[in-house]
Amino acid sequence: MHQKRKLKKTQIRDVTEHLVEIVSELVRETHPHHRFQVTLDSDFERNLGLDSLARAELIIRIDHDFRVSLPD
């Protein structure tokens, strides 16, 4: 059976910061002339202008960087 791993606060912060970096990089690539502030509360479409194709790319990047497989 698969056991859940408990993360320390510093690990959670590191993962959170890395996730925000991944999203920020994609937003900069998608909208190079805009300055969007990426936060954990940002709405991908409304606040960051990420359409479905960009969100699919985001899932691929997260899968790769975190070595996970997110559902479609």
N, C-alpha and C. Protein backbone atom coordinates (compact mmCIF):
# COMPACT_ATOMS: atom_id res chain seq x y z
N MET A 1 0.84 -1.17 0.00
CA MET A 1 0.00 0.00 0.00
C MET A 1 0.89 1.24 0.00
N HIS A 2 0.48 2.27 -0.71
CA HIS A 2 1.23 3.51 -0.83
C HIS A 2 1.07 4.36 0.42
N GLN A 3 2.20 4.72 1.05
CA GLN A 3 2.15 5.53 2.26
C GLN A 3 2.33 7.00 1.90
N LYS A 4 1.61 7.86 2.59
CA LYS A 4 1.78 9.30 2.41
C LYS A 4 3.01 9.72 3.21
N ARG A 5 3.77 10.60 2.61
CA ARG A 5 4.96 11.13 3.26
C ARG A 5 4.60 12.47 3.87
N LYS A 6 4.96 12.67 5.11
CA LYS A 6 4.69 13.92 5.78
C LYS A 6 5.84 14.89 5.51
N LEU A 7 5.50 16.08 5.01
CA LEU A 7 6.51 17.07 4.68
C LEU A 7 6.72 18.05 5.83
N LYS A 8 7.96 18.49 6.00
CA LYS A 8 8.27 19.51 6.99
C LYS A 8 7.88 20.87 6.42
N LYS A 9 7.72 21.86 7.30
CA LYS A 9 7.33 23.20 6.87
C LYS A 9 8.30 23.77 5.85
N THR A 10 9.59 23.53 6.03
CA THR A 10 10.58 24.06 5.08
C THR A 10 10.43 23.37 3.73
N GLN A 11 10.10 22.10 3.72
CA GLN A 11 9.89 21.39 2.46
C GLN A 11 8.65 21.92 1.75
N ILE A 12 7.60 22.18 2.51
CA ILE A 12 6.38 22.73 1.92
C ILE A 12 6.66 24.09 1.31
N ARG A 13 7.42 24.91 2.02
CA ARG A 13 7.78 26.24 1.49
C ARG A 13 8.60 26.11 0.21
N ASP A 14 9.55 25.17 0.18
CA ASP A 14 10.38 24.96 -1.00
C ASP A 14 9.53 24.52 -2.20
N VAL A 15 8.62 23.59 -1.96
CA VAL A 15 7.75 23.10 -3.03
C VAL A 15 6.86 24.24 -3.51
N THR A 16 6.31 25.01 -2.59
CA THR A 16 5.44 26.13 -2.94
C THR A 16 6.19 27.16 -3.76
N GLU A 17 7.39 27.52 -3.34
CA GLU A 17 8.18 28.49 -4.07
C GLU A 17 8.53 27.99 -5.47
N HIS A 18 8.86 26.72 -5.57
CA HIS A 18 9.20 26.15 -6.88
C HIS A 18 7.97 26.14 -7.80
N LEU A 19 6.83 25.80 -7.26
CA LEU A 19 5.60 25.80 -8.05
C LEU A 19 5.28 27.20 -8.56
N VAL A 20 5.40 28.21 -7.71
CA VAL A 20 5.16 29.59 -8.12
C VAL A 20 6.17 30.00 -9.21
N GLU A 21 7.42 29.54 -9.08
CA GLU A 21 8.43 29.83 -10.11
C GLU A 21 8.06 29.23 -11.46
N ILE A 22 7.58 27.99 -11.46
CA ILE A 22 7.17 27.32 -12.70
C ILE A 22 6.04 28.10 -13.36
N VAL A 23 5.03 28.47 -12.58
CA VAL A 23 3.89 29.21 -13.12
C VAL A 23 4.36 30.58 -13.62
N SER A 24 5.19 31.25 -12.85
CA SER A 24 5.68 32.58 -13.23
C SER A 24 6.45 32.53 -14.55
N GLU A 25 7.28 31.52 -14.71
CA GLU A 25 8.05 31.38 -15.95
C GLU A 25 7.12 31.20 -17.15
N LEU A 26 6.12 30.35 -17.00
CA LEU A 26 5.17 30.13 -18.09
C LEU A 26 4.40 31.41 -18.40
N VAL A 27 3.99 32.15 -17.38
CA VAL A 27 3.27 33.40 -17.59
C VAL A 27 4.15 34.40 -18.33
N ARG A 28 5.42 34.50 -17.95
CA ARG A 28 6.35 35.41 -18.65
C ARG A 28 6.53 35.01 -20.11
N GLU A 29 6.61 33.71 -20.37
CA GLU A 29 6.75 33.24 -21.75
C GLU A 29 5.48 33.49 -22.56
N THR A 30 4.34 33.30 -21.92
CA THR A 30 3.05 33.46 -22.60
C THR A 30 2.70 34.92 -22.83
N HIS A 31 3.03 35.77 -21.87
CA HIS A 31 2.70 37.21 -21.93
C HIS A 31 3.95 38.03 -21.60
N PRO A 32 4.91 38.09 -22.53
CA PRO A 32 6.19 38.74 -22.22
C PRO A 32 6.10 40.24 -21.94
N HIS A 33 5.03 40.89 -22.39
CA HIS A 33 4.92 42.34 -22.22
C HIS A 33 4.05 42.75 -21.03
N HIS A 34 3.59 41.76 -20.26
CA HIS A 34 2.75 42.04 -19.10
C HIS A 34 3.48 41.64 -17.83
N ARG A 35 3.12 42.29 -16.75
CA ARG A 35 3.68 41.97 -15.43
C ARG A 35 2.57 41.43 -14.54
N PHE A 36 2.40 40.14 -14.53
CA PHE A 36 1.41 39.50 -13.67
C PHE A 36 2.08 39.06 -12.38
N GLN A 37 1.39 39.29 -11.26
CA GLN A 37 1.88 38.82 -9.96
C GLN A 37 1.28 37.44 -9.71
N VAL A 38 2.13 36.44 -9.65
CA VAL A 38 1.67 35.06 -9.43
C VAL A 38 1.69 34.78 -7.94
N THR A 39 0.54 34.35 -7.42
CA THR A 39 0.42 33.93 -6.03
C THR A 39 -0.30 32.59 -6.00
N LEU A 40 -0.37 32.00 -4.84
CA LEU A 40 -1.08 30.73 -4.72
C LEU A 40 -2.59 30.90 -4.93
N ASP A 41 -3.07 32.13 -4.82
CA ASP A 41 -4.49 32.41 -5.02
C ASP A 41 -4.83 32.87 -6.42
N SER A 42 -3.84 32.98 -7.29
CA SER A 42 -4.07 33.46 -8.66
C SER A 42 -4.94 32.48 -9.44
N ASP A 43 -5.92 33.03 -10.14
CA ASP A 43 -6.74 32.24 -11.05
C ASP A 43 -6.00 32.18 -12.38
N PHE A 44 -5.78 30.98 -12.89
CA PHE A 44 -4.98 30.84 -14.11
C PHE A 44 -5.51 31.66 -15.28
N GLU A 45 -6.78 31.60 -15.52
CA GLU A 45 -7.34 32.31 -16.67
C GLU A 45 -7.59 33.79 -16.36
N ARG A 46 -8.30 34.06 -15.28
CA ARG A 46 -8.71 35.43 -14.97
C ARG A 46 -7.53 36.32 -14.57
N ASN A 47 -6.65 35.85 -13.69
CA ASN A 47 -5.56 36.68 -13.19
C ASN A 47 -4.27 36.59 -14.00
N LEU A 48 -4.04 35.43 -14.63
CA LEU A 48 -2.76 35.21 -15.30
C LEU A 48 -2.87 35.08 -16.81
N GLY A 49 -4.09 35.02 -17.33
CA GLY A 49 -4.28 34.95 -18.77
C GLY A 49 -3.83 33.65 -19.40
N LEU A 50 -3.86 32.55 -18.64
CA LEU A 50 -3.44 31.25 -19.17
C LEU A 50 -4.64 30.50 -19.73
N ASP A 51 -4.61 30.25 -21.04
CA ASP A 51 -5.70 29.51 -21.67
C ASP A 51 -5.48 28.01 -21.48
N SER A 52 -6.35 27.21 -22.07
CA SER A 52 -6.28 25.76 -21.85
C SER A 52 -4.98 25.16 -22.38
N LEU A 53 -4.46 25.67 -23.48
CA LEU A 53 -3.19 25.16 -24.01
C LEU A 53 -2.04 25.48 -23.05
N ALA A 54 -2.01 26.67 -22.50
CA ALA A 54 -0.98 27.05 -21.54
C ALA A 54 -1.11 26.21 -20.26
N ARG A 55 -2.33 25.95 -19.84
CA ARG A 55 -2.52 25.13 -18.64
C ARG A 55 -2.06 23.69 -18.88
N ALA A 56 -2.26 23.19 -20.10
CA ALA A 56 -1.75 21.85 -20.43
C ALA A 56 -0.23 21.84 -20.38
N GLU A 57 0.41 22.88 -20.88
CA GLU A 57 1.86 23.00 -20.80
C GLU A 57 2.32 23.08 -19.35
N LEU A 58 1.57 23.77 -18.52
CA LEU A 58 1.89 23.87 -17.10
C LEU A 58 1.88 22.49 -16.44
N ILE A 59 0.89 21.70 -16.75
CA ILE A 59 0.81 20.34 -16.20
C ILE A 59 2.02 19.52 -16.61
N ILE A 60 2.44 19.65 -17.86
CA ILE A 60 3.62 18.92 -18.34
C ILE A 60 4.86 19.35 -17.56
N ARG A 61 5.01 20.66 -17.36
CA ARG A 61 6.18 21.17 -16.62
C ARG A 61 6.19 20.71 -15.17
N ILE A 62 5.02 20.72 -14.54
CA ILE A 62 4.93 20.27 -13.15
C ILE A 62 5.23 18.78 -13.06
N ASP A 63 4.65 17.99 -13.99
CA ASP A 63 4.93 16.56 -14.04
C ASP A 63 6.44 16.31 -14.12
N HIS A 64 7.08 17.05 -15.00
CA HIS A 64 8.52 16.86 -15.22
C HIS A 64 9.34 17.29 -14.01
N ASP A 65 9.10 18.48 -13.51
CA ASP A 65 9.91 19.02 -12.41
C ASP A 65 9.71 18.27 -11.09
N PHE A 66 8.48 17.87 -10.82
CA PHE A 66 8.20 17.20 -9.55
C PHE A 66 8.15 15.68 -9.68
N ARG A 67 8.34 15.19 -10.90
CA ARG A 67 8.32 13.75 -11.17
C ARG A 67 7.04 13.10 -10.64
N VAL A 68 5.93 13.71 -11.05
CA VAL A 68 4.61 13.21 -10.70
C VAL A 68 3.80 13.10 -11.98
N SER A 69 2.63 12.52 -11.86
CA SER A 69 1.73 12.44 -13.00
C SER A 69 0.37 13.00 -12.55
N LEU A 70 0.12 14.25 -12.95
CA LEU A 70 -1.15 14.88 -12.60
C LEU A 70 -2.25 14.43 -13.55
N PRO A 71 -3.47 14.29 -13.08
CA PRO A 71 -4.57 13.93 -13.97
C PRO A 71 -4.89 15.06 -14.94
N ASP A 72 -5.43 14.69 -16.09
CA ASP A 72 -5.83 15.70 -17.07
C ASP A 72 -6.94 16.51 -16.48
